[in-house]
């Protein structure tokens, strides 16, 4: 090995950041294992010893000891003496009975997400994955597996949207078009805000049973109707007051997204509002990391998917005929984008 000396070596930044990136998969898989085995649920509501956790999980003593200590190092557990306990963070987000539970997505890391990322080098070279998820067939099965689990990621933002639309004050029917409905989170939150809301949920036939199940669990199934088919092929109908596109454009890509916005414009009433939830890249595409890394997720999963800037999507909305393009602050990766049909 050649040793670097002199001023150039002294000016080199530490290598730790690169090494941390190279081992970035480790915390994710530790977290997945803990969620799958039920560690956080078992430690709620009181601390337990290693032996007690082993007994309740039927895991090996060696395996559980290593896992629990790793979770302590990640500050997802604490240990006092021989007892392990939840932190406020893990109690809020990783106990399955918590209303703010975020552990659902953790279960998909190794089985649905990483296998596609493992082929990133080949996909970068070819520009297209072997199998895409934005087409019926493989795609319908892929989304059916986890759309319900990502419901919590958008629920708070959907409730903020309901407030911004003043749905609680509605005195006449509000017709909502929920495009690529998935778990139904956008339509459900709007329907929960007002008995005047009626939702048309559009998605693939393999996905809509999930939408039905979640809408039924939330007690709003009687105000839903369901339309099966691909977004660009199926007939939406017309006369809608609100149309939601919750994290759809990134998988559709630019060409399909522009066509979809035109089609949505035609389905809305005059004065109707379109709502877009998306990861949004900075105008110069230098950040934020979440948006640009999600573009890589689209690279390994779709034929044309990407993340876009606000100005790109605003231009498409104007092209389709929308006006008053604005942002609404909401929990999530970026503000919601709203626009109005004149």
Protein backbone atom coordinates (compact mmCIF):
# COMPACT_ATOMS: atom_id res chain seq x y z
CA UNK A 1 0.00 0.00 0.00
CA UNK A 2 1.30 3.44 -0.92
CA UNK A 3 1.34 5.77 2.07
CA UNK A 4 0.23 9.35 1.43
CA UNK A 5 2.27 12.04 3.12
CA UNK A 6 2.52 15.79 2.82
CA UNK A 7 -0.07 18.57 2.67
CA UNK A 8 -2.38 16.72 0.23
CA UNK A 9 -2.86 13.86 2.72
CA UNK A 10 -3.49 16.31 5.56
CA UNK A 11 -6.25 17.96 3.54
CA UNK A 12 -8.11 14.75 2.73
CA UNK A 13 -11.53 14.49 4.42
CA UNK A 14 -12.07 11.47 6.69
CA UNK A 15 -13.08 8.30 4.86
CA UNK A 16 -15.77 7.46 7.42
CA UNK A 17 -18.62 8.98 5.42
CA UNK A 18 -17.82 6.72 2.46
CA UNK A 19 -17.55 3.69 4.73
CA UNK A 20 -20.87 4.55 6.38
CA UNK A 21 -22.53 4.68 2.96
CA UNK A 22 -21.04 1.32 2.02
CA UNK A 23 -22.57 -0.25 5.13
CA UNK A 24 -25.86 1.65 4.96
CA UNK A 25 -27.84 -1.54 4.40
CA UNK A 26 -26.99 -2.81 7.87
CA UNK A 27 -29.31 -0.61 10.04
CA UNK A 28 -32.17 -1.17 7.59
CA UNK A 29 -31.91 -4.95 7.83
CA UNK A 30 -31.45 -4.85 11.60
CA UNK A 31 -34.63 -2.81 11.83
CA UNK A 32 -36.50 -5.20 9.53
CA UNK A 33 -35.47 -8.23 11.59
CA UNK A 34 -36.59 -6.56 14.82
CA UNK A 35 -39.97 -5.63 13.35
CA UNK A 36 -40.53 -9.07 11.85
CA UNK A 37 -39.63 -10.87 15.08
CA UNK A 38 -41.77 -8.48 17.10
CA UNK A 39 -39.09 -7.09 19.40
CA UNK A 40 -40.70 -3.68 19.85
CA UNK A 41 -44.15 -5.10 20.55
CA UNK A 42 -42.74 -7.52 23.12
CA UNK A 43 -40.92 -4.72 24.96
CA UNK A 44 -44.13 -2.73 25.18
CA UNK A 45 -45.19 -1.77 27.83
CA UNK A 46 -42.30 -2.71 30.11
CA UNK A 47 -38.57 -3.63 29.92
CA UNK A 48 -37.48 -7.25 29.72
CA UNK A 49 -34.29 -9.24 30.15
CA UNK A 50 -32.61 -11.04 27.27
CA UNK A 51 -33.89 -14.37 28.59
CA UNK A 52 -37.47 -13.06 28.70
CA UNK A 53 -37.27 -11.74 25.13
CA UNK A 54 -35.82 -15.04 23.94
CA UNK A 55 -38.62 -16.96 25.62
CA UNK A 56 -41.34 -14.80 24.09
CA UNK A 57 -39.88 -14.77 20.56
CA UNK A 58 -38.55 -18.37 20.44
CA UNK A 59 -35.38 -16.89 18.92
CA UNK A 60 -31.86 -18.08 19.75
CA UNK A 61 -30.09 -16.55 22.72
CA UNK A 62 -27.06 -15.65 20.63
CA UNK A 63 -29.08 -14.11 17.82
CA UNK A 64 -31.31 -12.08 20.09
CA UNK A 65 -28.42 -10.82 22.21
CA UNK A 66 -26.62 -9.52 19.13
CA UNK A 67 -29.81 -7.98 17.70
CA UNK A 68 -30.83 -6.23 20.92
CA UNK A 69 -27.38 -4.79 21.48
CA UNK A 70 -27.28 -3.49 17.91
CA UNK A 71 -30.65 -1.80 18.49
CA UNK A 72 -29.24 -0.18 21.63
CA UNK A 73 -26.32 1.16 19.59
CA UNK A 74 -28.81 2.59 17.06
CA UNK A 75 -30.67 4.27 19.93
CA UNK A 76 -33.86 2.36 19.20
CA UNK A 77 -33.60 0.58 22.58
CA UNK A 78 -31.99 1.37 25.90
CA UNK A 79 -30.45 -1.05 28.38
CA UNK A 80 -30.26 -0.60 32.12
CA UNK A 81 -28.56 -3.44 33.89
CA UNK A 82 -29.86 -6.58 32.19
CA UNK A 83 -33.16 -5.10 30.98
CA UNK A 84 -33.92 -3.73 27.52
CA UNK A 85 -36.52 -1.00 27.02
CA UNK A 86 -38.07 1.08 24.25
CA UNK A 87 -37.03 4.64 23.55
CA UNK A 88 -39.69 7.35 23.02
CA UNK A 89 -38.97 7.13 19.29
CA UNK A 90 -39.38 3.35 18.99
CA UNK A 91 -42.44 3.41 21.26
CA UNK A 92 -44.10 5.96 18.98
CA UNK A 93 -43.22 4.51 15.59
CA UNK A 94 -42.30 0.83 15.95
CA UNK A 95 -44.97 -0.60 18.28
CA UNK A 96 -47.67 -2.00 16.00
CA UNK A 97 -50.56 -0.80 18.17
CA UNK A 98 -49.34 2.81 18.10
CA UNK A 99 -51.49 5.17 15.96
CA UNK A 100 -48.25 6.53 14.45
CA UNK A 101 -46.77 3.10 13.64
CA UNK A 102 -44.29 3.18 10.75
CA UNK A 103 -43.02 -0.38 10.86
CA UNK A 104 -45.09 -1.75 7.99
CA UNK A 105 -42.65 -0.67 5.30
CA UNK A 106 -39.73 -2.24 7.19
CA UNK A 107 -41.10 -5.68 6.37
CA UNK A 108 -40.52 -5.13 2.64
CA UNK A 109 -36.85 -4.15 2.68
CA UNK A 110 -35.25 -7.54 1.98
CA UNK A 111 -38.08 -9.18 0.03
CA UNK A 112 -39.41 -6.48 -2.26
CA UNK A 113 -36.98 -3.55 -2.30
CA UNK A 114 -33.41 -4.82 -2.09
CA UNK A 115 -33.70 -7.52 -4.80
CA UNK A 116 -34.29 -4.82 -7.42
CA UNK A 117 -31.62 -2.51 -6.02
CA UNK A 118 -29.13 -5.40 -6.20
CA UNK A 119 -29.26 -5.06 -10.00
CA UNK A 120 -28.59 -1.30 -10.04
CA UNK A 121 -25.25 -1.54 -11.88
CA UNK A 122 -26.85 -3.45 -14.76
CA UNK A 123 -29.85 -1.11 -14.83
CA UNK A 124 -27.62 1.96 -15.02
CA UNK A 125 -25.87 0.42 -18.02
CA UNK A 126 -29.08 -0.56 -19.82
CA UNK A 127 -31.36 2.25 -18.65
CA UNK A 128 -34.20 -0.15 -17.90
CA UNK A 129 -34.89 -2.87 -15.31
CA UNK A 130 -35.61 -6.45 -16.33
CA UNK A 131 -39.12 -6.20 -14.85
CA UNK A 132 -41.12 -3.03 -14.28
CA UNK A 133 -43.75 -2.29 -11.67
CA UNK A 134 -45.67 0.40 -13.56
CA UNK A 135 -47.42 -2.13 -15.80
CA UNK A 136 -50.18 -4.60 -15.00
CA UNK A 137 -49.09 -8.16 -14.28
CA UNK A 138 -45.93 -8.05 -12.20
CA UNK A 139 -46.69 -4.47 -11.21
CA UNK A 140 -50.17 -5.21 -9.89
CA UNK A 141 -48.84 -7.99 -7.71
CA UNK A 142 -45.99 -5.81 -6.48
CA UNK A 143 -48.26 -2.95 -5.41
CA UNK A 144 -50.90 -5.25 -3.93
CA UNK A 145 -48.24 -6.55 -1.54
CA UNK A 146 -47.44 -3.27 0.13
CA UNK A 147 -49.85 -0.39 -0.68
CA UNK A 148 -51.72 -1.02 2.56
CA UNK A 149 -48.46 -0.89 4.50
CA UNK A 150 -47.59 2.60 3.22
CA UNK A 151 -51.00 4.02 4.23
CA UNK A 152 -49.51 5.79 7.31
CA UNK A 153 -46.96 7.61 5.14
CA UNK A 154 -49.68 9.73 3.49
CA UNK A 155 -52.53 9.73 6.01
CA UNK A 156 -51.50 12.89 7.89
CA UNK A 157 -50.94 14.78 4.64
CA UNK A 158 -54.33 13.63 3.37
CA UNK A 159 -56.02 14.93 6.52
CA UNK A 160 -54.26 18.29 6.11
CA UNK A 161 -55.61 18.38 2.56
CA UNK A 162 -59.14 17.74 3.85
CA UNK A 163 -58.80 20.74 6.15
CA UNK A 164 -57.43 22.95 3.37
CA UNK A 165 -60.40 22.02 1.16
CA UNK A 166 -62.81 22.97 4.00
CA UNK A 167 -64.64 19.71 3.59
CA UNK A 168 -66.15 19.83 7.08
CA UNK A 169 -68.11 22.88 5.93
CA UNK A 170 -69.46 21.18 2.78
CA UNK A 171 -73.24 21.39 2.42
CA UNK A 172 -73.51 19.58 -0.92
CA UNK A 173 -71.88 16.54 -2.50
CA UNK A 174 -68.13 16.74 -3.13
CA UNK A 175 -67.10 14.31 -5.85
CA UNK A 176 -63.52 13.02 -5.51
CA UNK A 177 -61.51 11.14 -8.16
CA UNK A 178 -58.76 9.10 -6.42
CA UNK A 179 -56.36 8.03 -9.17
CA UNK A 180 -54.17 4.94 -8.66
CA UNK A 181 -55.91 4.76 -5.31
CA UNK A 182 -53.80 1.96 -3.82
CA UNK A 183 -54.64 1.84 -0.11
CA UNK A 184 -57.28 4.52 -0.69
CA UNK A 185 -55.59 6.84 1.79
CA UNK A 186 -56.40 10.09 -0.01
CA UNK A 187 -60.05 9.30 -0.66
CA UNK A 188 -60.51 7.80 2.80
CA UNK A 189 -59.15 10.85 4.61
CA UNK A 190 -61.38 13.16 2.56
CA UNK A 191 -64.43 10.95 3.14
CA UNK A 192 -63.73 10.87 6.88
CA UNK A 193 -63.75 14.68 6.91
CA UNK A 194 -67.29 14.99 5.53
CA UNK A 195 -70.32 12.81 4.88
CA UNK A 196 -70.79 14.86 1.70
CA UNK A 197 -67.73 13.30 0.04
CA UNK A 198 -68.19 10.62 -2.63
CA UNK A 199 -65.05 8.89 -3.92
CA UNK A 200 -64.35 7.17 -7.23
CA UNK A 201 -61.25 5.01 -6.74
CA UNK A 202 -59.37 4.00 -9.90
CA UNK A 203 -56.70 1.29 -9.91
CA UNK A 204 -55.79 -2.09 -11.34
CA UNK A 205 -58.18 -4.99 -10.65
CA UNK A 206 -55.59 -6.75 -8.48
CA UNK A 207 -55.12 -3.68 -6.26
CA UNK A 208 -58.71 -2.51 -5.72
CA UNK A 209 -59.59 -5.34 -3.27
CA UNK A 210 -57.02 -3.76 -0.94
CA UNK A 211 -58.66 -0.35 -1.42
CA UNK A 212 -62.04 -1.87 -0.58
CA UNK A 213 -60.71 -3.56 2.55
CA UNK A 214 -59.09 -0.42 3.92
CA UNK A 215 -62.09 1.78 3.11
CA UNK A 216 -64.33 -0.73 4.89
CA UNK A 217 -62.07 -0.74 7.93
CA UNK A 218 -62.30 3.06 8.09
CA UNK A 219 -66.08 2.97 7.82
CA UNK A 220 -66.44 4.86 4.54
CA UNK A 221 -66.94 2.01 2.05
CA UNK A 222 -70.55 3.08 1.43
CA UNK A 223 -69.30 6.30 -0.17
CA UNK A 224 -66.80 4.65 -2.51
CA UNK A 225 -67.22 3.33 -6.02
CA UNK A 226 -64.49 1.49 -7.84
CA UNK A 227 -63.25 1.63 -11.43
CA UNK A 228 -60.84 -1.04 -12.65
CA UNK A 229 -58.20 -0.40 -15.27
CA UNK A 230 -55.05 1.42 -16.35
CA UNK A 231 -55.09 5.16 -15.76
CA UNK A 232 -54.61 6.08 -19.42
CA UNK A 233 -57.08 3.53 -20.78
CA UNK A 234 -60.04 3.51 -18.40
CA UNK A 235 -62.88 6.06 -18.59
CA UNK A 236 -62.90 8.28 -15.49
CA UNK A 237 -66.25 9.92 -16.11
CA UNK A 238 -66.66 13.63 -15.41
CA UNK A 239 -68.06 16.12 -12.93
CA UNK A 240 -65.42 15.77 -10.21
CA UNK A 241 -64.64 18.52 -7.73
CA UNK A 242 -61.29 17.13 -6.57
CA UNK A 243 -58.79 14.75 -8.17
CA UNK A 244 -55.91 13.26 -6.20
CA UNK A 245 -52.70 11.86 -7.68
CA UNK A 246 -50.89 10.56 -4.63
CA UNK A 247 -47.32 9.62 -5.54
CA UNK A 248 -48.23 8.58 -9.07
CA UNK A 249 -46.30 10.80 -11.46
CA UNK A 250 -42.90 9.49 -10.39
CA UNK A 251 -43.72 5.98 -11.62
CA UNK A 252 -45.48 7.17 -14.77
CA UNK A 253 -42.61 9.26 -16.14
CA UNK A 254 -42.91 12.53 -18.04
CA UNK A 255 -44.82 11.46 -21.15
CA UNK A 256 -47.51 9.45 -19.38
CA UNK A 257 -47.78 12.04 -16.60
CA UNK A 258 -48.49 14.83 -19.07
CA UNK A 259 -51.18 12.75 -20.76
CA UNK A 260 -52.66 11.88 -17.36
CA UNK A 261 -52.86 15.53 -16.33
CA UNK A 262 -54.74 16.39 -19.53
CA UNK A 263 -57.16 13.52 -18.91
CA UNK A 264 -57.67 14.58 -15.29
CA UNK A 265 -58.34 18.16 -16.38
CA UNK A 266 -61.16 16.92 -18.62
CA UNK A 267 -62.72 14.94 -15.76
CA UNK A 268 -62.93 17.93 -13.38
CA UNK A 269 -65.68 20.50 -13.04
CA UNK A 270 -64.86 24.15 -13.60
CA UNK A 271 -63.32 25.25 -10.32
CA UNK A 272 -62.21 21.69 -9.61
CA UNK A 273 -58.88 21.12 -7.87
CA UNK A 274 -56.12 18.67 -8.72
CA UNK A 275 -53.84 17.56 -5.90
CA UNK A 276 -50.39 16.07 -6.53
CA UNK A 277 -48.28 14.42 -3.84
CA UNK A 278 -44.71 13.82 -4.97
CA UNK A 279 -41.05 13.76 -4.08
CA UNK A 280 -39.83 17.09 -5.48
CA UNK A 281 -36.28 17.72 -6.65
CA UNK A 282 -34.62 21.13 -6.42
CA UNK A 283 -34.66 23.09 -9.66
CA UNK A 284 -30.95 22.42 -10.25
CA UNK A 285 -31.29 18.75 -9.20
CA UNK A 286 -28.62 18.94 -6.52
CA UNK A 287 -30.99 17.84 -3.75
CA UNK A 288 -32.72 17.05 -1.57
CA UNK A 289 -31.18 13.57 -1.16
CA UNK A 290 -34.54 11.87 -0.52
CA UNK A 291 -35.91 13.02 -3.87
CA UNK A 292 -32.82 12.20 -5.91
CA UNK A 293 -32.30 8.82 -4.26
CA UNK A 294 -35.97 8.05 -4.91
CA UNK A 295 -35.24 8.71 -8.59
CA UNK A 296 -32.86 5.74 -8.38
CA UNK A 297 -35.72 3.70 -6.90
CA UNK A 298 -37.69 4.59 -10.02
CA UNK A 299 -34.73 3.63 -12.21
CA UNK A 300 -34.61 0.09 -10.81
CA UNK A 301 -38.39 -0.37 -10.83
CA UNK A 302 -39.88 1.41 -13.86
CA UNK A 303 -39.28 1.99 -17.56
CA UNK A 304 -39.48 5.80 -17.46
CA UNK A 305 -40.07 6.84 -13.84
CA UNK A 306 -38.21 9.72 -12.21
CA UNK A 307 -38.60 12.54 -9.73
CA UNK A 308 -39.38 16.02 -10.99
CA UNK A 309 -38.99 19.65 -9.98
CA UNK A 310 -41.87 21.92 -9.01
CA UNK A 311 -41.40 24.00 -12.16
CA UNK A 312 -41.48 20.91 -14.37
CA UNK A 313 -44.79 19.75 -12.91
CA UNK A 314 -46.16 23.30 -12.92
CA UNK A 315 -45.40 23.56 -16.64
CA UNK A 316 -47.27 20.32 -17.30
CA UNK A 317 -50.24 21.57 -15.28
CA UNK A 318 -50.35 24.84 -17.25
CA UNK A 319 -50.07 22.89 -20.49
CA UNK A 320 -53.13 20.85 -19.45
CA UNK A 321 -55.07 24.06 -18.73
CA UNK A 322 -54.75 24.43 -14.96
CA UNK A 323 -54.22 27.78 -13.23
CA UNK A 324 -53.36 29.01 -9.72
CA UNK A 325 -50.63 26.42 -9.20
CA UNK A 326 -49.57 26.50 -5.55
CA UNK A 327 -48.07 24.48 -2.72
CA UNK A 328 -49.70 23.28 0.47
CA UNK A 329 -47.45 22.46 3.43
CA UNK A 330 -48.17 18.93 4.63
CA UNK A 331 -46.32 16.13 6.43
CA UNK A 332 -44.26 14.06 4.02
CA UNK A 333 -41.34 14.35 1.62
CA UNK A 334 -42.54 17.61 0.04
CA UNK A 335 -45.48 20.04 0.00
CA UNK A 336 -48.59 19.03 -1.90
CA UNK A 337 -49.06 20.72 -5.28
CA UNK A 338 -52.54 22.07 -6.00
CA UNK A 339 -53.97 23.65 -9.14
CA UNK A 340 -57.43 24.71 -10.29
CA UNK A 341 -59.40 24.18 -13.48
CA UNK A 342 -60.75 27.58 -14.65
